[in-house]
């Protein structure tokens, strides 16, 4: 069962307070290609409404903690070892990306498929150089795009 937006907002605000991120705020977005985002310039953590429609409490909490870890360590840390240690330290799972099995991207016309493992890694809305040259984050191999719509 999905928590309400109000409950999620309370959880996110509590995480921001708990980790002493003074001046940081939380907002929802309608993003279809990302679960969460940490905007350092605006000092705001975002969570996608599209993501929360298909996510459970644990998944939502992990994405919030993922973004809080970004806010704590700063943008230069990326998804490297400093960020990963902090994410684990504050109770997150330390995972670089959320894989929803494509649930939040059902409307994307192209599926991103790993050439080695054959797993669906998500979806994209257009073919371009960036999408054609992606690498699988599990196997490090190239990916292919398959038209699904």
Protein backbone atom coordinates (compact mmCIF):
# COMPACT_ATOMS: atom_id res chain seq x y z
CA UNK A 1 0.00 0.00 0.00
CA UNK A 2 1.34 3.39 -0.96
CA UNK A 3 1.52 6.06 1.71
CA UNK A 4 -0.21 9.34 0.91
CA UNK A 5 1.72 12.34 -0.36
CA UNK A 6 1.20 13.99 3.02
CA UNK A 7 2.74 11.00 4.86
CA UNK A 8 5.66 10.87 2.41
CA UNK A 9 6.24 14.58 2.86
CA UNK A 10 6.37 14.05 6.64
CA UNK A 11 8.86 11.17 6.25
CA UNK A 12 11.11 13.23 3.97
CA UNK A 13 11.01 16.30 6.22
CA UNK A 14 11.86 14.10 9.23
CA UNK A 15 14.86 12.63 7.37
CA UNK A 16 16.05 16.12 6.43
CA UNK A 17 15.74 17.28 10.07
CA UNK A 18 17.32 14.11 11.46
CA UNK A 19 20.43 14.58 9.35
CA UNK A 20 20.63 18.29 10.12
CA UNK A 21 20.23 19.61 6.60
CA UNK A 22 19.43 23.19 7.61
CA UNK A 23 17.83 25.18 4.82
CA UNK A 24 16.86 22.12 2.75
CA UNK A 25 13.31 21.46 1.58
CA UNK A 26 11.30 18.66 0.00
CA UNK A 27 8.98 18.72 -3.02
CA UNK A 28 7.25 16.34 -5.41
CA UNK A 29 7.81 16.26 -9.17
CA UNK A 30 6.04 14.53 -12.05
CA UNK A 31 9.28 13.04 -13.38
CA UNK A 32 8.87 9.85 -15.34
CA UNK A 33 12.51 8.85 -15.69
CA UNK A 34 13.84 9.26 -12.15
CA UNK A 35 12.59 8.33 -8.72
CA UNK A 36 14.31 11.15 -6.86
CA UNK A 37 16.62 14.09 -7.28
CA UNK A 38 18.87 16.19 -5.06
CA UNK A 39 19.16 19.78 -6.31
CA UNK A 40 22.14 21.37 -4.55
CA UNK A 41 21.57 24.87 -5.94
CA UNK A 42 17.95 25.00 -4.71
CA UNK A 43 18.78 22.88 -1.63
CA UNK A 44 15.75 20.74 -2.39
CA UNK A 45 15.15 16.99 -2.42
CA UNK A 46 12.54 15.86 -4.96
CA UNK A 47 10.52 12.65 -5.22
CA UNK A 48 8.52 11.65 -8.28
CA UNK A 49 4.76 11.17 -8.01
CA UNK A 50 5.02 8.67 -10.87
CA UNK A 51 7.49 6.61 -8.82
CA UNK A 52 5.39 6.63 -5.62
CA UNK A 53 2.35 5.27 -7.46
CA UNK A 54 4.15 1.95 -7.93
CA UNK A 55 6.43 1.90 -4.89
CA UNK A 56 6.01 0.52 -1.40
CA UNK A 57 7.00 2.22 1.87
CA UNK A 58 10.47 0.65 1.92
CA UNK A 59 11.30 1.69 -1.66
CA UNK A 60 10.15 5.24 -0.98
CA UNK A 61 12.24 5.45 2.17
CA UNK A 62 15.32 4.12 0.35
CA UNK A 63 15.02 6.78 -2.37
CA UNK A 64 14.57 9.54 0.21
CA UNK A 65 17.67 8.36 2.09
CA UNK A 66 19.56 8.06 -1.21
CA UNK A 67 18.87 11.75 -1.92
CA UNK A 68 19.59 12.80 1.68
CA UNK A 69 23.00 11.11 1.39
CA UNK A 70 23.66 13.18 -1.74
CA UNK A 71 22.74 16.34 0.15
CA UNK A 72 25.10 15.45 3.02
CA UNK A 73 28.20 14.54 0.98
CA UNK A 74 27.82 17.09 -1.83
CA UNK A 75 27.65 16.85 -5.60
CA UNK A 76 31.33 15.99 -6.14
CA UNK A 77 30.87 12.62 -4.42
CA UNK A 78 28.46 11.40 -7.11
CA UNK A 79 27.63 7.74 -6.48
CA UNK A 80 31.18 6.94 -5.38
CA UNK A 81 32.45 5.29 -2.20
CA UNK A 82 32.00 8.41 -0.03
CA UNK A 83 28.34 8.70 -1.02
CA UNK A 84 27.78 4.95 -0.67
CA UNK A 85 29.26 4.84 2.85
CA UNK A 86 27.10 7.78 3.93
CA UNK A 87 23.97 6.26 2.39
CA UNK A 88 24.54 2.99 4.27
CA UNK A 89 25.41 4.87 7.47
CA UNK A 90 22.08 6.74 7.51
CA UNK A 91 20.03 3.60 6.83
CA UNK A 92 19.84 3.56 3.03
CA UNK A 93 20.67 0.57 0.87
CA UNK A 94 23.61 2.22 -0.90
CA UNK A 95 22.21 1.38 -4.32
CA UNK A 96 23.18 3.75 -7.10
CA UNK A 97 19.94 3.52 -9.04
CA UNK A 98 16.41 2.39 -8.43
CA UNK A 99 15.27 -0.33 -10.87
CA UNK A 100 11.50 -0.47 -11.00
CA UNK A 101 11.37 -3.13 -13.70
CA UNK A 102 9.92 -0.51 -16.01
CA UNK A 103 6.74 0.03 -13.97
CA UNK A 104 7.05 3.80 -13.84
CA UNK A 105 7.99 4.04 -17.50
CA UNK A 106 5.30 1.98 -19.18
CA UNK A 107 4.61 4.81 -21.58
CA UNK A 108 8.24 5.00 -22.78
CA UNK A 109 8.36 3.78 -26.39
CA UNK A 110 11.80 2.14 -26.10
CA UNK A 111 12.97 -0.46 -23.60
CA UNK A 112 16.65 -0.45 -22.60
CA UNK A 113 17.88 -4.07 -22.68
CA UNK A 114 21.27 -5.35 -21.44
CA UNK A 115 23.09 -7.20 -24.24
CA UNK A 116 24.77 -9.60 -21.77
CA UNK A 117 22.07 -10.38 -19.23
CA UNK A 118 18.97 -9.57 -21.27
CA UNK A 119 17.40 -7.67 -18.36
CA UNK A 120 15.18 -4.68 -18.99
CA UNK A 121 16.90 -1.73 -17.34
CA UNK A 122 14.20 0.86 -17.92
CA UNK A 123 12.80 2.87 -20.76
CA UNK A 124 13.61 5.92 -22.83
CA UNK A 125 11.46 8.28 -24.83
CA UNK A 126 13.79 8.94 -27.76
CA UNK A 127 16.77 7.46 -29.49
CA UNK A 128 19.86 9.66 -29.48
CA UNK A 129 23.60 9.37 -28.96
CA UNK A 130 23.27 9.31 -25.17
CA UNK A 131 20.70 6.50 -25.14
CA UNK A 132 22.44 4.51 -27.90
CA UNK A 133 25.80 4.50 -26.07
CA UNK A 134 24.62 3.66 -22.54
CA UNK A 135 26.26 0.86 -20.61
CA UNK A 136 24.55 -1.70 -18.38
CA UNK A 137 25.18 -0.74 -14.75
CA UNK A 138 25.24 -4.42 -13.74
CA UNK A 139 27.41 -6.01 -16.44
CA UNK A 140 29.15 -2.96 -17.89
CA UNK A 141 28.20 -4.12 -21.37
CA UNK A 142 26.43 -2.21 -24.10
CA UNK A 143 22.65 -2.03 -24.24
CA UNK A 144 20.12 -2.12 -27.04
CA UNK A 145 16.86 -0.27 -27.46
CA UNK A 146 13.74 -2.20 -28.40
CA UNK A 147 10.56 -0.50 -29.53
CA UNK A 148 7.70 -1.43 -27.17
CA UNK A 149 4.96 1.01 -28.23
